[in-house]
C-alpha atoms as a PDB file:
ATOM      1  CA  MET A   1       8.177  25.455  39.001  1.00  0.00           C
ATOM      2  CA  ALA A   2       5.410  27.155  37.397  1.00  0.00           C
ATOM      3  CA  GLN A   3       2.902  24.159  35.506  1.00  0.00           C
ATOM      4  CA  GLN A   4       2.855  24.580  31.951  1.00  0.00           C
ATOM      5  CA  THR A   5      -0.437  25.572  29.634  1.00  0.00           C
ATOM      6  CA  TRP A   6      -0.596  24.361  26.915  1.00  0.00           C
ATOM      7  CA  PRO A   7      -2.634  26.549  24.002  1.00  0.00           C
ATOM      8  CA  GLY A   8      -6.210  25.535  23.811  1.00  0.00           C
ATOM      9  CA  GLU A   9      -6.478  24.559  27.606  1.00  0.00           C
ATOM     10  CA  SER A  10      -8.312  27.713  28.579  1.00  0.00           C
ATOM     11  CA  LEU A  11     -11.163  27.033  26.425  1.00  0.00           C
ATOM     12  CA  HIS A  12     -14.758  26.301  28.063  1.00  0.00           C
ATOM     13  CA  PHE A  13     -14.829  23.023  26.354  1.00  0.00           C
ATOM     14  CA  ASP A  14     -13.913  20.200  28.945  1.00  0.00           C
ATOM     15  CA  ASP A  15     -12.423  16.968  27.226  1.00  0.00           C
ATOM     16  CA  ASN A  16     -15.929  14.991  27.107  1.00  0.00           C
ATOM     17  CA  GLU A  17     -17.519  17.580  25.178  1.00  0.00           C
ATOM     18  CA  ILE A  18     -14.757  17.743  22.451  1.00  0.00           C
ATOM     19  CA  LEU A  19     -14.464  13.865  22.509  1.00  0.00           C
ATOM     20  CA  HIS A  20     -18.418  14.139  21.888  1.00  0.00           C
ATOM     21  CA  ILE A  21     -17.926  16.495  18.224  1.00  0.00           C
ATOM     22  CA  ALA A  22     -15.497  13.805  17.251  1.00  0.00           C
ATOM     23  CA  ARG A  23     -17.321  11.159  17.656  1.00  0.00           C
ATOM     24  CA  SER A  24     -20.796  12.980  16.354  1.00  0.00           C
ATOM     25  CA  THR A  25     -18.816  13.814  12.771  1.00  0.00           C
ATOM     26  CA  LEU A  26     -17.391  10.437  12.446  1.00  0.00           C
ATOM     27  CA  GLU A  27     -21.091   8.991  13.389  1.00  0.00           C
ATOM     28  CA  LYS A  28     -21.876  11.467  10.564  1.00  0.00           C
ATOM     29  CA  GLU A  29     -19.884  10.343   8.179  1.00  0.00           C
ATOM     30  CA  ALA A  30     -20.576   6.649   8.584  1.00  0.00           C
ATOM     31  CA  THR A  31     -24.211   7.348   7.904  1.00  0.00           C
ATOM     32  CA  ALA A  32     -23.781   9.267   4.710  1.00  0.00           C
ATOM     33  CA  LEU A  33     -21.150   6.692   3.647  1.00  0.00           C
ATOM     34  CA  GLN A  34     -23.713   3.761   4.188  1.00  0.00           C
ATOM     35  CA  GLN A  35     -26.666   5.666   2.263  1.00  0.00           C
ATOM     36  CA  LEU A  36     -23.750   6.321  -0.169  1.00  0.00           C
ATOM     37  CA  ILE A  37     -24.211   2.206  -0.739  1.00  0.00           C
ATOM     38  CA  SER A  38     -28.011   2.504  -2.047  1.00  0.00           C
ATOM     39  CA  TYR A  39     -26.577   5.101  -5.091  1.00  0.00           C
ATOM     40  CA  VAL A  40     -24.763   2.571  -6.206  1.00  0.00           C
ATOM     41  CA  ASP A  41     -26.890   1.590  -9.195  1.00  0.00           C
ATOM     42  CA  GLU A  42     -26.775   0.826 -13.203  1.00  0.00           C
ATOM     43  CA  ALA A  43     -24.954   4.184 -13.959  1.00  0.00           C
ATOM     44  CA  PHE A  44     -22.450   3.050 -11.324  1.00  0.00           C
ATOM     45  CA  ALA A  45     -21.864   0.185 -13.177  1.00  0.00           C
ATOM     46  CA  ARG A  46     -21.870   1.414 -16.783  1.00  0.00           C
ATOM     47  CA  ALA A  47     -19.170   4.147 -16.004  1.00  0.00           C
ATOM     48  CA  VAL A  48     -17.067   1.343 -14.230  1.00  0.00           C
ATOM     49  CA  ARG A  49     -16.946  -0.720 -17.932  1.00  0.00           C
ATOM     50  CA  LEU A  50     -16.912   3.291 -19.557  1.00  0.00           C
ATOM     51  CA  ILE A  51     -13.519   3.867 -18.191  1.00  0.00           C
ATOM     52  CA  ALA A  52     -12.291   0.246 -18.861  1.00  0.00           C
ATOM     53  CA  GLN A  53     -12.847   0.095 -22.412  1.00  0.00           C
ATOM     54  CA  SER A  54     -11.632   3.457 -22.583  1.00  0.00           C
ATOM     55  CA  LYS A  55      -8.484   3.722 -24.791  1.00  0.00           C
ATOM     56  CA  GLY A  56      -7.702   7.123 -23.732  1.00  0.00           C
ATOM     57  CA  LYS A  57      -7.198   8.211 -19.577  1.00  0.00           C
ATOM     58  CA  VAL A  58      -9.283   9.593 -17.713  1.00  0.00           C
ATOM     59  CA  VAL A  59      -9.435  12.974 -16.947  1.00  0.00           C
ATOM     60  CA  ILE A  60     -10.717  13.816 -13.088  1.00  0.00           C
ATOM     61  CA  THR A  61     -11.383  17.867 -12.327  1.00  0.00           C
ATOM     62  CA  GLY A  62     -13.106  20.158  -9.312  1.00  0.00           C
ATOM     63  CA  ILE A  63     -13.178  23.104  -7.732  1.00  0.00           C
ATOM     64  CA  GLY A  64     -11.932  23.386  -3.732  1.00  0.00           C
ATOM     65  CA  LYS A  65     -12.146  21.351  -1.673  1.00  0.00           C
ATOM     66  CA  SER A  66     -13.513  18.455  -4.311  1.00  0.00           C
ATOM     67  CA  ALA A  67     -10.219  19.549  -6.478  1.00  0.00           C
ATOM     68  CA  ILE A  68      -8.454  17.521  -3.982  1.00  0.00           C
ATOM     69  CA  ILE A  69     -10.310  15.407  -3.840  1.00  0.00           C
ATOM     70  CA  ALA A  70      -9.894  14.580  -7.784  1.00  0.00           C
ATOM     71  CA  GLN A  71      -6.603  14.527  -7.119  1.00  0.00           C
ATOM     72  CA  LYS A  72      -6.832  11.522  -5.089  1.00  0.00           C
ATOM     73  CA  ILE A  73      -8.750   9.992  -7.065  1.00  0.00           C
ATOM     74  CA  VAL A  74      -6.599  10.397 -10.148  1.00  0.00           C
ATOM     75  CA  ALA A  75      -3.324   8.990  -7.696  1.00  0.00           C
ATOM     76  CA  THR A  76      -5.421   6.214  -6.643  1.00  0.00           C
ATOM     77  CA  PHE A  77      -6.377   5.700 -10.206  1.00  0.00           C
ATOM     78  CA  ASN A  78      -2.793   5.891 -11.529  1.00  0.00           C
ATOM     79  CA  SER A  79      -1.784   3.624  -8.919  1.00  0.00           C
ATOM     80  CA  THR A  80      -4.316   0.516  -9.673  1.00  0.00           C
ATOM     81  CA  GLY A  81      -3.685   0.441 -13.538  1.00  0.00           C
ATOM     82  CA  THR A  82      -5.703   3.217 -14.807  1.00  0.00           C
ATOM     83  CA  PRO A  83      -4.368   6.229 -15.883  1.00  0.00           C
ATOM     84  CA  ALA A  84      -5.765   9.106 -15.121  1.00  0.00           C
ATOM     85  CA  ILE A  85      -4.435  13.096 -15.275  1.00  0.00           C
ATOM     86  CA  PHE A  86      -5.859  16.036 -12.883  1.00  0.00           C
ATOM     87  CA  MET A  87      -7.410  18.752 -14.507  1.00  0.00           C
ATOM     88  CA  HIS A  88      -8.143  21.991 -11.945  1.00  0.00           C
ATOM     89  CA  ALA A  89     -11.316  23.372 -13.831  1.00  0.00           C
ATOM     90  CA  ALA A  90     -10.705  27.317 -13.701  1.00  0.00           C
ATOM     91  CA  ASP A  91      -7.244  26.339 -15.410  1.00  0.00           C
ATOM     92  CA  ALA A  92      -9.231  24.327 -17.590  1.00  0.00           C
ATOM     93  CA  ILE A  93     -10.950  27.328 -19.302  1.00  0.00           C
ATOM     94  CA  HIS A  94      -7.814  29.397 -19.629  1.00  0.00           C
ATOM     95  CA  GLY A  95      -5.447  26.605 -21.480  1.00  0.00           C
ATOM     96  CA  ASP A  96      -5.229  23.137 -19.819  1.00  0.00           C
ATOM     97  CA  LEU A  97      -8.567  22.259 -21.715  1.00  0.00           C
ATOM     98  CA  GLY A  98      -5.774  20.616 -23.931  1.00  0.00           C
ATOM     99  CA  MET A  99      -5.779  17.786 -21.986  1.00  0.00           C
ATOM    100  CA  VAL A 100      -8.164  16.636 -22.508  1.00  0.00           C
ATOM    101  CA  GLN A 101      -8.158  14.141 -26.095  1.00  0.00           C
ATOM    102  CA  PRO A 102     -11.198  12.149 -28.086  1.00  0.00           C
ATOM    103  CA  GLU A 103     -10.408   8.916 -26.692  1.00  0.00           C
ATOM    104  CA  ASP A 104     -10.492  10.110 -22.824  1.00  0.00           C
ATOM    105  CA  VAL A 105     -13.249   9.812 -19.997  1.00  0.00           C
ATOM    106  CA  VAL A 106     -13.990  12.966 -17.854  1.00  0.00           C
ATOM    107  CA  ILE A 107     -14.940  12.536 -14.513  1.00  0.00           C
ATOM    108  CA  MET A 108     -16.007  16.086 -12.241  1.00  0.00           C
ATOM    109  CA  VAL A 109     -16.014  16.397  -8.839  1.00  0.00           C
ATOM    110  CA  SER A 110     -18.489  18.793  -7.623  1.00  0.00           C
ATOM    111  CA  LYS A 111     -20.934  18.470  -4.571  1.00  0.00           C
ATOM    112  CA  SER A 112     -23.407  21.384  -5.773  1.00  0.00           C
ATOM    113  CA  GLY A 113     -22.918  20.849  -9.600  1.00  0.00           C
ATOM    114  CA  GLU A 114     -23.857  24.521  -9.862  1.00  0.00           C
ATOM    115  CA  SER A 115     -19.884  26.432  -9.332  1.00  0.00           C
ATOM    116  CA  PRO A 116     -19.479  28.390 -12.327  1.00  0.00           C
ATOM    117  CA  GLU A 117     -16.324  27.049 -12.891  1.00  0.00           C
ATOM    118  CA  ILE A 118     -17.735  23.877 -13.246  1.00  0.00           C
ATOM    119  CA  LYS A 119     -20.838  24.836 -15.758  1.00  0.00           C
ATOM    120  CA  MET A 120     -18.560  27.059 -17.782  1.00  0.00           C
ATOM    121  CA  LEU A 121     -16.583  23.595 -18.369  1.00  0.00           C
ATOM    122  CA  LEU A 122     -19.297  21.253 -19.076  1.00  0.00           C
ATOM    123  CA  PRO A 123     -20.243  22.981 -22.735  1.00  0.00           C
ATOM    124  CA  LEU A 124     -16.731  22.801 -23.079  1.00  0.00           C
ATOM    125  CA  ILE A 125     -15.761  19.302 -22.499  1.00  0.00           C
ATOM    126  CA  LYS A 126     -19.018  18.650 -24.388  1.00  0.00           C
ATOM    127  CA  ASN A 127     -18.169  19.964 -27.476  1.00  0.00           C
ATOM    128  CA  PHE A 128     -14.724  17.278 -27.712  1.00  0.00           C
ATOM    129  CA  HIS A 129     -17.934  14.704 -27.736  1.00  0.00           C
ATOM    130  CA  THR A 130     -16.011  12.785 -24.647  1.00  0.00           C
ATOM    131  CA  PRO A 131     -17.973  11.081 -22.053  1.00  0.00           C
ATOM    132  CA  VAL A 132     -18.496  13.200 -18.661  1.00  0.00           C
ATOM    133  CA  ILE A 133     -18.768  11.039 -15.697  1.00  0.00           C
ATOM    134  CA  ALA A 134     -20.332  13.305 -12.519  1.00  0.00           C
ATOM    135  CA  ILE A 135     -20.137  12.772  -9.124  1.00  0.00           C
ATOM    136  CA  VAL A 136     -22.147  15.150  -7.833  1.00  0.00           C
ATOM    137  CA  GLY A 137     -24.196  15.907  -4.669  1.00  0.00           C
ATOM    138  CA  ASN A 138     -27.392  17.558  -6.547  1.00  0.00           C
ATOM    139  CA  MET A 139     -29.496  15.370  -8.311  1.00  0.00           C
ATOM    140  CA  GLN A 140     -31.137  18.540  -9.779  1.00  0.00           C
ATOM    141  CA  SER A 141     -27.879  20.610 -10.852  1.00  0.00           C
ATOM    142  CA  THR A 142     -26.871  21.526 -14.163  1.00  0.00           C
ATOM    143  CA  LEU A 143     -23.996  19.197 -14.095  1.00  0.00           C
ATOM    144  CA  ALA A 144     -25.611  16.049 -12.786  1.00  0.00           C
ATOM    145  CA  LEU A 145     -28.578  16.738 -15.758  1.00  0.00           C
ATOM    146  CA  GLN A 146     -26.032  17.125 -18.603  1.00  0.00           C
ATOM    147  CA  ALA A 147     -23.711  14.992 -17.954  1.00  0.00           C
ATOM    148  CA  ASP A 148     -23.749  11.586 -19.607  1.00  0.00           C
ATOM    149  CA  LEU A 149     -23.578   9.384 -16.486  1.00  0.00           C
ATOM    150  CA  VAL A 150     -24.184  10.423 -12.722  1.00  0.00           C
ATOM    151  CA  LEU A 151     -23.048   9.054  -9.569  1.00  0.00           C
ATOM    152  CA  ASN A 152     -25.068  10.377  -6.934  1.00  0.00           C
ATOM    153  CA  THR A 153     -23.284  11.608  -3.540  1.00  0.00           C
ATOM    154  CA  THR A 154     -25.634  13.187  -1.480  1.00  0.00           C
ATOM    155  CA  VAL A 155     -25.262  13.912   1.752  1.00  0.00           C
ATOM    156  CA  ALA A 156     -28.189  14.622   4.496  1.00  0.00           C
ATOM    157  CA  GLU A 157     -25.652  17.317   6.171  1.00  0.00           C
ATOM    158  CA  GLU A 158     -21.811  18.415   6.346  1.00  0.00           C
ATOM    159  CA  ALA A 159     -19.989  17.240   9.974  1.00  0.00           C
ATOM    160  CA  CYS A 160     -18.737  20.988  10.536  1.00  0.00           C
ATOM    161  CA  PRO A 161     -21.981  22.463  12.710  1.00  0.00           C
ATOM    162  CA  ASN A 162     -22.541  25.870  10.483  1.00  0.00           C
ATOM    163  CA  ASN A 163     -23.409  22.981   8.064  1.00  0.00           C
ATOM    164  CA  LEU A 164     -20.745  24.606   5.246  1.00  0.00           C
ATOM    165  CA  ALA A 165     -17.469  23.228   5.673  1.00  0.00           C
ATOM    166  CA  PRO A 166     -16.795  20.269   2.821  1.00  0.00           C
ATOM    167  CA  THR A 167     -16.610  17.670   5.182  1.00  0.00           C
ATOM    168  CA  THR A 168     -19.733  14.312   4.803  1.00  0.00           C
ATOM    169  CA  SER A 169     -19.906  15.690   1.161  1.00  0.00           C
ATOM    170  CA  THR A 170     -15.607  15.108   0.544  1.00  0.00           C
ATOM    171  CA  THR A 171     -15.723  12.117   2.427  1.00  0.00           C
ATOM    172  CA  ALA A 172     -18.406  10.894   0.237  1.00  0.00           C
ATOM    173  CA  GLN A 173     -16.831  11.797  -2.946  1.00  0.00           C
ATOM    174  CA  LEU A 174     -13.811   9.885  -1.920  1.00  0.00           C
ATOM    175  CA  ALA A 175     -15.083   7.264  -0.716  1.00  0.00           C
ATOM    176  CA  MET A 176     -17.018   6.568  -4.655  1.00  0.00           C
ATOM    177  CA  GLY A 177     -13.947   7.760  -5.992  1.00  0.00           C
ATOM    178  CA  ASP A 178     -12.648   4.409  -4.184  1.00  0.00           C
ATOM    179  CA  ALA A 179     -15.277   2.338  -5.239  1.00  0.00           C
ATOM    180  CA  LEU A 180     -14.620   3.068  -8.827  1.00  0.00           C
ATOM    181  CA  ALA A 181     -10.985   2.291  -8.408  1.00  0.00           C
ATOM    182  CA  THR A 182     -11.415  -1.217  -6.761  1.00  0.00           C
ATOM    183  CA  ALA A 183     -14.237  -2.169  -9.495  1.00  0.00           C
ATOM    184  CA  LEU A 184     -11.399  -1.643 -12.005  1.00  0.00           C
ATOM    185  CA  ILE A 185      -8.986  -3.572 -10.030  1.00  0.00           C
ATOM    186  CA  GLN A 186     -11.118  -6.468 -10.009  1.00  0.00           C
ATOM    187  CA  LEU A 187     -12.576  -5.818 -14.088  1.00  0.00           C
ATOM    188  CA  LYS A 188      -9.143  -5.364 -15.145  1.00  0.00           C
ATOM    189  CA  GLY A 189      -7.844  -8.137 -13.458  1.00  0.00           C
ATOM    190  CA  PHE A 190      -4.766  -5.925 -12.052  1.00  0.00           C
ATOM    191  CA  SER A 191      -2.149  -7.966  -9.910  1.00  0.00           C
ATOM    192  CA  ALA A 192      -0.563  -7.820  -6.507  1.00  0.00           C
ATOM    193  CA  GLU A 193       2.624  -8.475  -8.753  1.00  0.00           C
ATOM    194  CA  ASP A 194       0.805  -5.583 -11.181  1.00  0.00           C
ATOM    195  CA  PHE A 195       0.536  -3.527  -7.739  1.00  0.00           C
ATOM    196  CA  ALA A 196       4.169  -4.039  -7.074  1.00  0.00           C
ATOM    197  CA  LYS A 197       5.355  -2.704 -10.673  1.00  0.00           C
ATOM    198  CA  PHE A 198       3.959   1.174  -9.708  1.00  0.00           C
ATOM    199  CA  HIS A 199       5.159   0.840  -6.298  1.00  0.00           C
ATOM    200  CA  PRO A 200       8.981  -0.321  -6.390  1.00  0.00           C
ATOM    201  CA  GLY A 201      10.569   2.369  -3.671  1.00  0.00           C
ATOM    202  CA  GLY A 202       7.815   1.728  -1.058  1.00  0.00           C
ATOM    203  CA  THR A 203       7.584  -0.939   1.669  1.00  0.00           C
ATOM    204  CA  LEU A 204       4.331  -2.022   0.662  1.00  0.00           C
ATOM    205  CA  GLY A 205       5.725  -2.481  -3.134  1.00  0.00           C
ATOM    206  CA  LYS A 206       8.644  -4.023  -1.306  1.00  0.00           C
ATOM    207  CA  LYS A 207       6.895  -6.489  -0.247  1.00  0.00           C
ATOM    208  CA  LEU A 208       5.123  -7.232  -3.498  1.00  0.00           C
ATOM    209  CA  TYR A 209       8.249  -7.565  -5.247  1.00  0.00           C
ATOM    210  CA  LEU A 210      11.453  -8.245  -3.235  1.00  0.00           C
ATOM    211  CA  ARG A 211      12.899 -11.784  -3.223  1.00  0.00           C
ATOM    212  CA  VAL A 212      15.253 -13.577  -1.642  1.00  0.00           C
ATOM    213  CA  LYS A 213      17.757 -14.052  -3.601  1.00  0.00           C
ATOM    214  CA  ASP A 214      17.908  -9.972  -4.093  1.00  0.00           C
ATOM    215  CA  LEU A 215      18.674 -10.129  -0.008  1.00  0.00           C
ATOM    216  CA  SER A 216      21.062 -13.051   0.049  1.00  0.00           C
ATOM    217  CA  VAL A 217      23.898 -12.366  -2.363  1.00  0.00           C
ATOM    218  CA  HIS A 218      24.856  -9.566  -0.833  1.00  0.00           C
ATOM    219  CA  ASN A 219      25.846 -11.908   2.659  1.00  0.00           C
ATOM    220  CA  ALA A 220      28.749 -14.027   3.225  1.00  0.00           C
ATOM    221  CA  ARG A 221      28.120 -17.562   2.136  1.00  0.00           C
ATOM    222  CA  PRO A 222      29.700 -19.318   5.551  1.00  0.00           C
ATOM    223  CA  ALA A 223      29.731 -23.264   4.972  1.00  0.00           C
ATOM    224  CA  VAL A 224      32.216 -26.042   7.624  1.00  0.00           C
ATOM    225  CA  HIS A 225      32.236 -29.705   7.096  1.00  0.00           C
ATOM    226  CA  PRO A 226      30.554 -32.231  10.252  1.00  0.00           C
ATOM    227  CA  GLU A 227      34.469 -33.106  11.187  1.00  0.00           C
ATOM    228  CA  SER A 228      35.274 -29.212  11.417  1.00  0.00           C
ATOM    229  CA  SER A 229      36.955 -28.301  14.337  1.00  0.00           C
ATOM    230  CA  ILE A 230      34.780 -25.893  16.643  1.00  0.00           C
ATOM    231  CA  LYS A 231      37.380 -23.218  16.578  1.00  0.00           C
ATOM    232  CA  GLU A 232      36.389 -23.667  12.416  1.00  0.00           C
ATOM    233  CA  VAL A 233      32.530 -23.418  13.486  1.00  0.00           C
ATOM    234  CA  ILE A 234      33.622 -20.572  16.053  1.00  0.00           C
ATOM    235  CA  TRP A 235      35.584 -18.676  13.527  1.00  0.00           C
ATOM    236  CA  GLU A 236      33.592 -18.900   9.930  1.00  0.00           C
ATOM    237  CA  ILE A 237      30.737 -17.276  12.485  1.00  0.00           C
ATOM    238  CA  THR A 238      32.479 -14.594  12.644  1.00  0.00           C
ATOM    239  CA  SER A 239      33.628 -13.951  10.257  1.00  0.00           C
ATOM    240  CA  GLY A 240      30.539 -14.454   8.265  1.00  0.00           C
ATOM    241  CA  ARG A 241      29.037 -11.495  10.345  1.00  0.00           C
ATOM    242  CA  LEU A 242      25.353 -13.412  10.020  1.00  0.00           C
ATOM    243  CA  GLY A 243      25.671 -15.227  13.098  1.00  0.00           C
ATOM    244  CA  ILE A 244      25.693 -18.654  11.494  1.00  0.00           C
ATOM    245  CA  THR A 245      27.303 -21.132   9.223  1.00  0.00           C
ATOM    246  CA  ALA A 246      26.053 -23.912   7.056  1.00  0.00           C
ATOM    247  CA  VAL A 247      27.456 -27.533   7.757  1.00  0.00           C
ATOM    248  CA  LEU A 248      27.663 -29.055   4.026  1.00  0.00           C
ATOM    249  CA  GLU A 249      28.251 -32.693   3.432  1.00  0.00           C
ATOM    250  CA  GLY A 250      29.772 -32.299  -0.413  1.00  0.00           C
ATOM    251  CA  ALA A 251      27.235 -30.151  -1.886  1.00  0.00           C
ATOM    252  CA  LYS A 252      24.598 -31.515   0.497  1.00  0.00           C
ATOM    253  CA  LEU A 253      23.318 -29.172   3.625  1.00  0.00           C
ATOM    254  CA  VAL A 254      22.909 -31.651   6.700  1.00  0.00           C
ATOM    255  CA  GLY A 255      22.463 -28.625   9.558  1.00  0.00           C
ATOM    256  CA  VAL A 256      24.074 -25.017  10.638  1.00  0.00           C
ATOM    257  CA  ILE A 257      25.393 -24.308  13.540  1.00  0.00           C
ATOM    258  CA  THR A 258      24.474 -20.333  15.130  1.00  0.00           C
ATOM    259  CA  ASP A 259      25.754 -18.211  17.870  1.00  0.00           C
ATOM    260  CA  GLY A 260      23.172 -20.613  20.060  1.00  0.00           C
ATOM    261  CA  ASP A 261      23.917 -22.801  19.745  1.00  0.00           C
ATOM    262  CA  LEU A 262      27.763 -22.809  20.834  1.00  0.00           C
ATOM    263  CA  ARG A 263      25.643 -21.131  23.807  1.00  0.00           C
ATOM    264  CA  ARG A 264      23.971 -24.206  24.960  1.00  0.00           C
ATOM    265  CA  MET A 265      27.284 -26.120  24.035  1.00  0.00           C
ATOM    266  CA  MET A 266      29.524 -24.706  26.237  1.00  0.00           C
ATOM    267  CA  GLU A 267      26.051 -25.607  28.733  1.00  0.00           C
ATOM    268  CA  LYS A 268      25.994 -28.780  28.138  1.00  0.00           C
ATOM    269  CA  TYR A 269      29.737 -29.382  28.071  1.00  0.00           C
ATOM    270  CA  GLU A 270      32.759 -28.805  30.055  1.00  0.00           C
ATOM    271  CA  GLN A 271      35.484 -30.205  27.328  1.00  0.00           C
ATOM    272  CA  PHE A 272      34.587 -28.932  23.836  1.00  0.00           C
ATOM    273  CA  ASN A 273      38.075 -28.935  22.303  1.00  0.00           C
ATOM    274  CA  ARG A 274      37.874 -32.100  20.441  1.00  0.00           C
ATOM    275  CA  LEU A 275      33.785 -31.477  19.343  1.00  0.00           C
ATOM    276  CA  THR A 276      33.281 -31.797  16.034  1.00  0.00           C
ATOM    277  CA  ALA A 277      30.314 -29.760  14.106  1.00  0.00           C
ATOM    278  CA  ARG A 278      28.211 -32.637  13.698  1.00  0.00           C
ATOM    279  CA  ALA A 279      27.801 -32.516  17.235  1.00  0.00           C
ATOM    280  CA  VAL A 280      26.194 -29.524  18.031  1.00  0.00           C
ATOM    281  CA  MET A 281      24.652 -28.654  14.520  1.00  0.00           C
ATOM    282  CA  THR A 282      20.751 -28.488  14.267  1.00  0.00           C
ATOM    283  CA  THR A 283      20.039 -31.246  11.944  1.00  0.00           C
ATOM    284  CA  GLN A 284      16.929 -29.761  10.352  1.00  0.00           C
ATOM    285  CA  PRO A 285      17.803 -26.431   9.499  1.00  0.00           C
ATOM    286  CA  LYS A 286      14.599 -23.583   8.199  1.00  0.00           C
ATOM    287  CA  THR A 287      15.028 -23.289   4.491  1.00  0.00           C
ATOM    288  CA  ILE A 288      13.662 -21.557   1.790  1.00  0.00           C
ATOM    289  CA  HIS A 289      13.842 -20.846  -1.648  1.00  0.00           C
ATOM    290  CA  ARG A 290      15.964 -18.150  -3.483  1.00  0.00           C
ATOM    291  CA  GLU A 291      13.042 -16.978  -5.349  1.00  0.00           C
ATOM    292  CA  ALA A 292      10.753 -16.844  -2.245  1.00  0.00           C
ATOM    293  CA  LEU A 293       9.423 -13.393  -1.702  1.00  0.00           C
ATOM    294  CA  ALA A 294      11.454 -11.662   1.102  1.00  0.00           C
ATOM    295  CA  VAL A 295       8.293 -10.842   3.349  1.00  0.00           C
ATOM    296  CA  ASP A 296       7.929 -14.751   3.385  1.00  0.00           C
ATOM    297  CA  ALA A 297      11.238 -15.165   4.766  1.00  0.00           C
ATOM    298  CA  LEU A 298       9.858 -12.668   7.707  1.00  0.00           C
ATOM    299  CA  GLN A 299       6.864 -14.793   8.565  1.00  0.00           C
ATOM    300  CA  LEU A 300       8.943 -17.949   8.080  1.00  0.00           C
ATOM    301  CA  MET A 301      11.233 -16.068  11.274  1.00  0.00           C
ATOM    302  CA  ARG A 302       8.633 -14.833  13.198  1.00  0.00           C
ATOM    303  CA  GLN A 303       6.638 -18.503  13.429  1.00  0.00           C
ATOM    304  CA  HIS A 304       9.937 -19.965  14.514  1.00  0.00           C
ATOM    305  CA  ASN A 305      11.200 -17.073  16.751  1.00  0.00           C
ATOM    306  CA  ILE A 306      14.804 -17.038  14.479  1.00  0.00           C
ATOM    307  CA  THR A 307      17.274 -14.174  13.161  1.00  0.00           C
ATOM    308  CA  GLN A 308      18.427 -16.687   9.958  1.00  0.00           C
ATOM    309  CA  VAL A 309      16.732 -18.509   7.192  1.00  0.00           C
ATOM    310  CA  VAL A 310      19.398 -21.037   5.171  1.00  0.00           C
ATOM    311  CA  VAL A 311      18.694 -19.799   1.479  1.00  0.00           C
ATOM    312  CA  LEU A 312      18.502 -22.679  -1.085  1.00  0.00           C
ATOM    313  CA  ASP A 313      19.034 -22.523  -4.980  1.00  0.00           C
ATOM    314  CA  ASP A 314      17.064 -24.498  -7.759  1.00  0.00           C
ATOM    315  CA  ASP A 315      18.027 -27.122  -7.199  1.00  0.00           C
ATOM    316  CA  GLY A 316      17.933 -27.465  -3.356  1.00  0.00           C
ATOM    317  CA  GLN A 317      21.226 -26.799  -2.923  1.00  0.00           C
ATOM    318  CA  TYR A 318      22.652 -24.441  -0.162  1.00  0.00           C
ATOM    319  CA  GLU A 319      23.269 -20.828  -1.909  1.00  0.00           C
ATOM    320  CA  GLY A 320      23.331 -18.311   1.145  1.00  0.00           C
ATOM    321  CA  ILE A 321      21.917 -17.399   3.825  1.00  0.00           C
ATOM    322  CA  ILE A 322      19.391 -14.331   4.930  1.00  0.00           C
ATOM    323  CA  HIS A 323      19.211 -12.454   8.029  1.00  0.00           C
ATOM    324  CA  LEU A 324      16.695 -10.249   9.936  1.00  0.00           C
ATOM    325  CA  HIS A 325      18.937  -7.761   9.311  1.00  0.00           C
ATOM    326  CA  ASP A 326      18.662  -8.051   5.692  1.00  0.00           C
ATOM    327  CA  LEU A 327      14.897  -7.194   6.209  1.00  0.00           C
ATOM    328  CA  ILE A 328      15.003  -4.738   8.450  1.00  0.00           C
ATOM    329  CA  ARG A 329      17.702  -2.234   6.100  1.00  0.00           C
ATOM    330  CA  GLU A 330      15.079  -2.912   3.413  1.00  0.00           C
ATOM    331  CA  GLY A 331      11.908  -1.293   5.832  1.00  0.00           C
ATOM    332  CA  LEU A 332      10.522  -4.232   6.051  1.00  0.00           C
ATOM    333  CA  ILE A 333       9.383  -4.241   9.409  1.00  0.00           C
END
């Protein structure tokens, strides 16, 4: 059988050369980000306060690769409590400029600050008397000189071997946008609970809002008495399909019996027909409050190497069971 040849295997670069190129790219971008720290100055602080105090939205614009970065910054702002929209610089001069309202703040993203669309758009926005924040890589450019506030994203070189394709420069723009967003998060007191409101459908959001009661309510509520027979215990565990039953003395939880307890019982006793639940139950089961986050239940299961946790209500009484499968079903694992 002929050996399969993958596309690119015939190129003259060996693996070490390819790895060297990749590492060099990352080193150049890391160096640019390190340099970016020194560019964060008073203008940055003023920009954060300007956005936080604005009664309108943030309109972020750019052209080319900078437009893509602008869209990512918009997404980050929106997901962290700062209303923002993207306006393509080319489309803005053909009608989309109507997005900009008097109380808005405009952020213009550009490496050179001299793109024709940016130069044409800048005075039009200034006519609205709307403050302009520039994220720009040329501090002597038209954009840098005419913007109200300038965030410097100058880079020494692109990672591209021809020093042409936006690589290091877009990394710097993206990082500056992230710096703005994270500063706004803390300035505005945006909490994990707030974050969950904007991410209800994703796994990350579920970790922040999904509670034990939301999952346990759909499960059976298996329970036996301390003097229940083993046959009754097995039936309750089987019918509940959770691999566990609570043992209740009146309304009080006095223990649990799991599949594992039954296996250990069979190893310990030759005859178990006359045994009761009390003889095989675990008397100090792991419990969790119904209002606890589901992710806390997962942590409890992992910590104690178990697959079920007893759920308690506000009075500390038995309410139900949350199972590992509930958490898997919700994508928390």
